[in-house]
Amino acid sequence: MCILGEYLILEMLLAGLFYRSVAAGFIGILGLPFFFHYKRRHKIRKRKRMLSVQFKDCLMSVAGAMRAGYSMENAFRESERDLISQYGADADMVVEIQSMANRLDCNASIESLLEDLAIRSRIEDVANFSSIIGFAKRSGGNYIGILTNSVGQIADKIEIQATIDTLLAARHLEQRIMNVVPLFILAFINLTSGEFLASLYHNAVGICMMTGCLAVYIATYLWSERIVAIEV
């Protein structure tokens, strides 16, 4: 409902600025599925990034438990408490650990559980770690050494991503301001000199021109989003 309300407000604003028509607002409802898709992708991207950070902290906890003598399976169980203290009981990785613990009790292998998590989350770090653990288990490798090395690499990658996000924070703000400026200009002209744009409304040529302007505005907005969405 929050997304629906956000879209209706935005859509009626654009209909008023670009068409001065309530009918255009009703027609604009056809764009709702695309808006939902855009918001869903944004939410998934944000959730994946948070899960990556939680997965890194989980591995750090697992590595510490293994150095204390725990098996890998029990080390993952022990990591639940650390994750709850950091992120709360509702965190995605906490839920995943609880599910893994239940399946481990049913004799599932840790590498199969990690592989399943990698498939569902589509996070490269999880997939790589799952492959490494599977290979190490088959070849009798040094779990603690492999885990420590993997945690270091994942931590470095996440730190680089955090640095990039910090450097781009100002660019994100500039992007949002630049995206809003055209709407403010159009609104200002409509309020102060509405007759200047009167010929662009309620006629076929004007509607086509404003539709073209709206399409260019939406395209540049999506393009600017992609420019600042840099990921490692």
Protein backbone atom coordinates (compact mmCIF):
# COMPACT_ATOMS: atom_id res chain seq x y z
CA MET A 1 0.00 0.00 0.00
CA CYS A 2 2.89 2.35 0.70
CA ILE A 3 4.24 1.83 -2.83
CA LEU A 4 0.75 2.29 -4.28
CA GLY A 5 0.28 5.57 -2.42
CA GLU A 6 3.73 6.77 -3.50
CA TYR A 7 2.97 5.96 -7.12
CA LEU A 8 -0.45 7.65 -7.09
CA ILE A 9 1.01 10.86 -5.65
CA LEU A 10 3.85 10.87 -8.17
CA GLU A 11 1.59 9.95 -11.06
CA MET A 12 -0.99 12.65 -10.30
CA LEU A 13 1.82 15.21 -9.92
CA LEU A 14 3.22 14.31 -13.34
CA ALA A 15 -0.26 14.31 -14.88
CA GLY A 16 -0.89 17.79 -13.49
CA LEU A 17 2.46 19.21 -14.60
CA PHE A 18 2.69 17.63 -18.04
CA TYR A 19 -0.98 17.45 -19.06
CA ARG A 20 -3.14 19.53 -16.65
CA SER A 21 -5.62 16.68 -16.91
CA VAL A 22 -7.28 14.35 -14.42
CA ALA A 23 -7.92 11.90 -17.28
CA ALA A 24 -4.17 11.63 -17.83
CA GLY A 25 -3.86 10.67 -14.19
CA PHE A 26 -6.22 7.75 -14.66
CA ILE A 27 -4.39 6.65 -17.81
CA GLY A 28 -1.11 6.83 -15.92
CA ILE A 29 -2.30 4.04 -13.63
CA LEU A 30 -1.26 1.70 -16.45
CA GLY A 31 2.34 2.36 -15.43
CA LEU A 32 1.80 0.94 -11.95
CA PRO A 33 3.18 -2.57 -12.77
CA PHE A 34 6.42 -1.02 -14.05
CA PHE A 35 6.74 1.06 -10.88
CA PHE A 36 6.20 -2.02 -8.72
CA HIS A 37 8.87 -3.85 -10.73
CA TYR A 38 11.31 -0.95 -10.29
CA LYS A 39 10.69 -0.75 -6.53
CA ARG A 40 10.98 -4.53 -6.20
CA ARG A 41 14.38 -4.55 -7.94
CA HIS A 42 15.57 -1.71 -5.72
CA LYS A 43 14.42 -3.54 -2.59
CA ILE A 44 16.06 -6.80 -3.71
CA ARG A 45 19.35 -5.03 -4.44
CA LYS A 46 19.32 -3.38 -1.01
CA ARG A 47 18.40 -6.65 0.73
CA LYS A 48 21.15 -8.58 -1.09
CA ARG A 49 23.74 -6.03 -0.04
CA MET A 50 22.64 -6.29 3.61
CA LEU A 51 22.64 -10.08 3.44
CA SER A 52 26.19 -10.01 2.08
CA VAL A 53 27.34 -7.99 5.09
CA GLN A 54 25.53 -10.33 7.47
CA PHE A 55 27.03 -13.36 5.72
CA LYS A 56 30.52 -11.91 6.17
CA ASP A 57 29.90 -11.39 9.90
CA CYS A 58 28.49 -14.92 10.11
CA LEU A 59 31.68 -16.33 8.60
CA MET A 60 33.82 -14.33 11.02
CA SER A 61 31.84 -15.82 13.91
CA VAL A 62 32.12 -19.31 12.39
CA ALA A 63 35.89 -18.94 11.98
CA GLY A 64 36.25 -17.92 15.63
CA ALA A 65 34.15 -20.87 16.79
CA MET A 66 36.16 -23.30 14.69
CA ARG A 67 39.40 -21.99 16.13
CA ALA A 68 37.88 -22.73 19.55
CA GLY A 69 37.39 -26.36 18.53
CA TYR A 70 33.85 -26.46 17.12
CA SER A 71 33.04 -28.41 13.99
CA MET A 72 31.88 -26.36 11.02
CA GLU A 73 28.27 -27.46 11.51
CA ASN A 74 28.24 -26.49 15.19
CA ALA A 75 30.15 -23.30 14.44
CA PHE A 76 27.32 -22.17 12.16
CA ARG A 77 24.84 -22.95 14.94
CA GLU A 78 26.92 -20.87 17.39
CA SER A 79 27.05 -17.93 14.98
CA GLU A 80 23.32 -17.38 15.49
CA ARG A 81 23.83 -15.68 18.86
CA ASP A 82 26.42 -13.27 17.47
CA LEU A 83 24.18 -12.35 14.55
CA ILE A 84 21.18 -11.78 16.82
CA SER A 85 23.23 -9.44 19.01
CA GLN A 86 24.33 -7.48 15.94
CA TYR A 87 21.24 -7.44 13.73
CA GLY A 88 18.31 -8.72 15.78
CA ALA A 89 16.33 -11.94 15.66
CA ASP A 90 14.49 -10.94 12.46
CA ALA A 91 17.62 -10.45 10.35
CA ASP A 92 17.72 -12.46 7.12
CA MET A 93 20.93 -14.28 7.99
CA VAL A 94 19.60 -15.22 11.44
CA VAL A 95 16.55 -16.80 9.80
CA GLU A 96 18.83 -18.63 7.36
CA ILE A 97 21.03 -19.95 10.18
CA GLN A 98 17.99 -21.20 12.08
CA SER A 99 16.75 -22.98 8.98
CA MET A 100 20.21 -24.46 8.38
CA ALA A 101 20.36 -25.70 11.99
CA ASN A 102 17.05 -27.49 11.59
CA ARG A 103 18.15 -29.12 8.36
CA LEU A 104 21.50 -30.09 9.84
CA ASP A 105 19.57 -31.99 12.49
CA CYS A 106 18.04 -33.95 9.61
CA ASN A 107 21.54 -34.91 8.40
CA ALA A 108 21.77 -32.38 5.57
CA SER A 109 25.34 -31.44 4.62
CA ILE A 110 26.61 -27.94 5.30
CA GLU A 111 27.85 -27.51 1.72
CA SER A 112 24.42 -28.40 0.29
CA LEU A 113 22.79 -25.85 2.60
CA LEU A 114 25.25 -23.16 1.57
CA GLU A 115 24.70 -24.04 -2.08
CA ASP A 116 20.94 -23.72 -1.58
CA LEU A 117 21.43 -20.33 0.05
CA ALA A 118 23.63 -19.24 -2.85
CA ILE A 119 20.98 -20.26 -5.39
CA ARG A 120 18.17 -18.47 -3.55
CA SER A 121 20.08 -15.31 -2.68
CA ARG A 122 22.07 -15.07 -5.95
CA ILE A 123 24.98 -13.62 -4.00
CA GLU A 124 28.35 -14.35 -5.58
CA ASP A 125 30.22 -14.51 -2.26
CA VAL A 126 27.91 -17.23 -0.94
CA ALA A 127 28.22 -19.24 -4.14
CA ASN A 128 32.02 -18.99 -4.12
CA PHE A 129 32.25 -19.97 -0.47
CA SER A 130 29.91 -22.91 -1.03
CA SER A 131 32.10 -24.18 -3.89
CA ILE A 132 35.28 -23.76 -1.84
CA ILE A 133 33.86 -25.62 1.17
CA GLY A 134 32.58 -28.43 -1.03
CA PHE A 135 35.99 -28.83 -2.67
CA ALA A 136 37.82 -28.65 0.68
CA LYS A 137 35.56 -31.28 2.21
CA ARG A 138 36.11 -33.67 -0.69
CA SER A 139 39.87 -33.15 -0.72
CA GLY A 140 40.36 -33.00 3.07
CA GLY A 141 41.55 -29.39 3.09
CA ASN A 142 42.28 -27.13 6.02
CA TYR A 143 38.84 -25.76 6.93
CA ILE A 144 40.07 -23.08 9.29
CA GLY A 145 42.67 -21.78 6.85
CA ILE A 146 40.17 -21.79 3.98
CA LEU A 147 37.53 -20.08 6.09
CA THR A 148 39.94 -17.40 7.33
CA ASN A 149 41.11 -16.69 3.80
CA SER A 150 37.53 -16.55 2.47
CA VAL A 151 36.41 -14.22 5.24
CA GLY A 152 39.34 -11.92 4.49
CA GLN A 153 38.49 -11.76 0.79
CA ILE A 154 34.78 -11.21 1.39
CA ALA A 155 35.50 -8.55 4.04
CA ASP A 156 37.86 -6.74 1.64
CA LYS A 157 35.23 -6.78 -1.09
CA ILE A 158 32.50 -5.43 1.20
CA GLU A 159 34.86 -2.76 2.52
CA ILE A 160 35.60 -1.64 -1.03
CA GLN A 161 31.85 -1.50 -1.75
CA ALA A 162 31.31 0.58 1.41
CA THR A 163 34.08 2.96 0.32
CA ILE A 164 32.49 3.33 -3.11
CA ASP A 165 29.09 4.00 -1.51
CA THR A 166 30.64 6.68 0.70
CA LEU A 167 32.35 8.36 -2.25
CA LEU A 168 29.12 8.27 -4.25
CA ALA A 169 26.92 9.61 -1.43
CA ALA A 170 27.37 13.18 -2.63
CA ARG A 171 26.69 12.11 -6.22
CA HIS A 172 23.46 10.42 -5.10
CA LEU A 173 22.33 13.69 -3.52
CA GLU A 174 23.26 15.65 -6.65
CA GLN A 175 21.40 13.11 -8.78
CA ARG A 176 18.22 13.44 -6.71
CA ILE A 177 18.40 17.25 -6.87
CA MET A 178 18.93 17.24 -10.64
CA ASN A 179 16.01 14.84 -11.09
CA VAL A 180 13.69 17.16 -9.18
CA VAL A 181 14.86 20.45 -10.77
CA PRO A 182 12.96 20.00 -14.09
CA LEU A 183 9.70 19.40 -12.19
CA PHE A 184 10.26 22.50 -10.05
CA ILE A 185 10.95 24.59 -13.16
CA LEU A 186 7.81 23.32 -14.88
CA ALA A 187 5.73 23.87 -11.74
CA PHE A 188 7.15 27.39 -11.29
CA ILE A 189 6.32 28.38 -14.86
CA ASN A 190 2.82 26.95 -14.53
CA LEU A 191 2.19 28.90 -11.33
CA THR A 192 3.70 32.22 -12.39
CA SER A 193 3.20 32.28 -16.18
CA GLY A 194 0.69 29.57 -16.94
CA GLU A 195 -0.44 31.21 -20.18
CA PHE A 196 3.11 30.83 -21.54
CA LEU A 197 2.65 27.04 -21.68
CA ALA A 198 -1.10 27.05 -22.41
CA SER A 199 -0.56 26.03 -26.04
CA LEU A 200 1.05 22.76 -24.89
CA TYR A 201 -2.07 21.52 -23.12
CA HIS A 202 -5.40 20.10 -24.30
CA ASN A 203 -4.43 19.77 -27.97
CA ALA A 204 -2.93 16.91 -29.98
CA VAL A 205 0.39 18.58 -30.83
CA GLY A 206 0.95 19.81 -27.29
CA ILE A 207 0.08 16.42 -25.79
CA CYS A 208 2.56 14.70 -28.12
CA MET A 209 5.30 17.18 -27.21
CA MET A 210 4.69 16.87 -23.46
CA THR A 211 4.55 13.10 -23.74
CA GLY A 212 7.94 13.19 -25.46
CA CYS A 213 9.32 15.43 -22.70
CA LEU A 214 7.95 13.07 -20.04
CA ALA A 215 9.51 10.06 -21.78
CA VAL A 216 12.89 11.83 -21.95
CA TYR A 217 12.60 12.79 -18.27
CA ILE A 218 11.85 9.21 -17.19
CA ALA A 219 14.65 7.83 -19.39
CA THR A 220 17.22 10.27 -17.98
CA TYR A 221 16.07 9.46 -14.44
CA LEU A 222 16.61 5.72 -14.98
CA TRP A 223 19.93 6.41 -16.70
CA SER A 224 21.15 8.52 -13.78
CA GLU A 225 20.16 5.71 -11.39
CA ARG A 226 22.33 3.26 -13.32
CA ILE A 227 25.28 5.65 -13.41
CA VAL A 228 25.49 5.95 -9.62
CA ALA A 229 24.68 2.25 -8.97
CA ILE A 230 28.27 1.00 -8.98
CA GLU A 231 28.87 -2.41 -7.46
CA VAL A 232 32.06 -4.41 -6.96
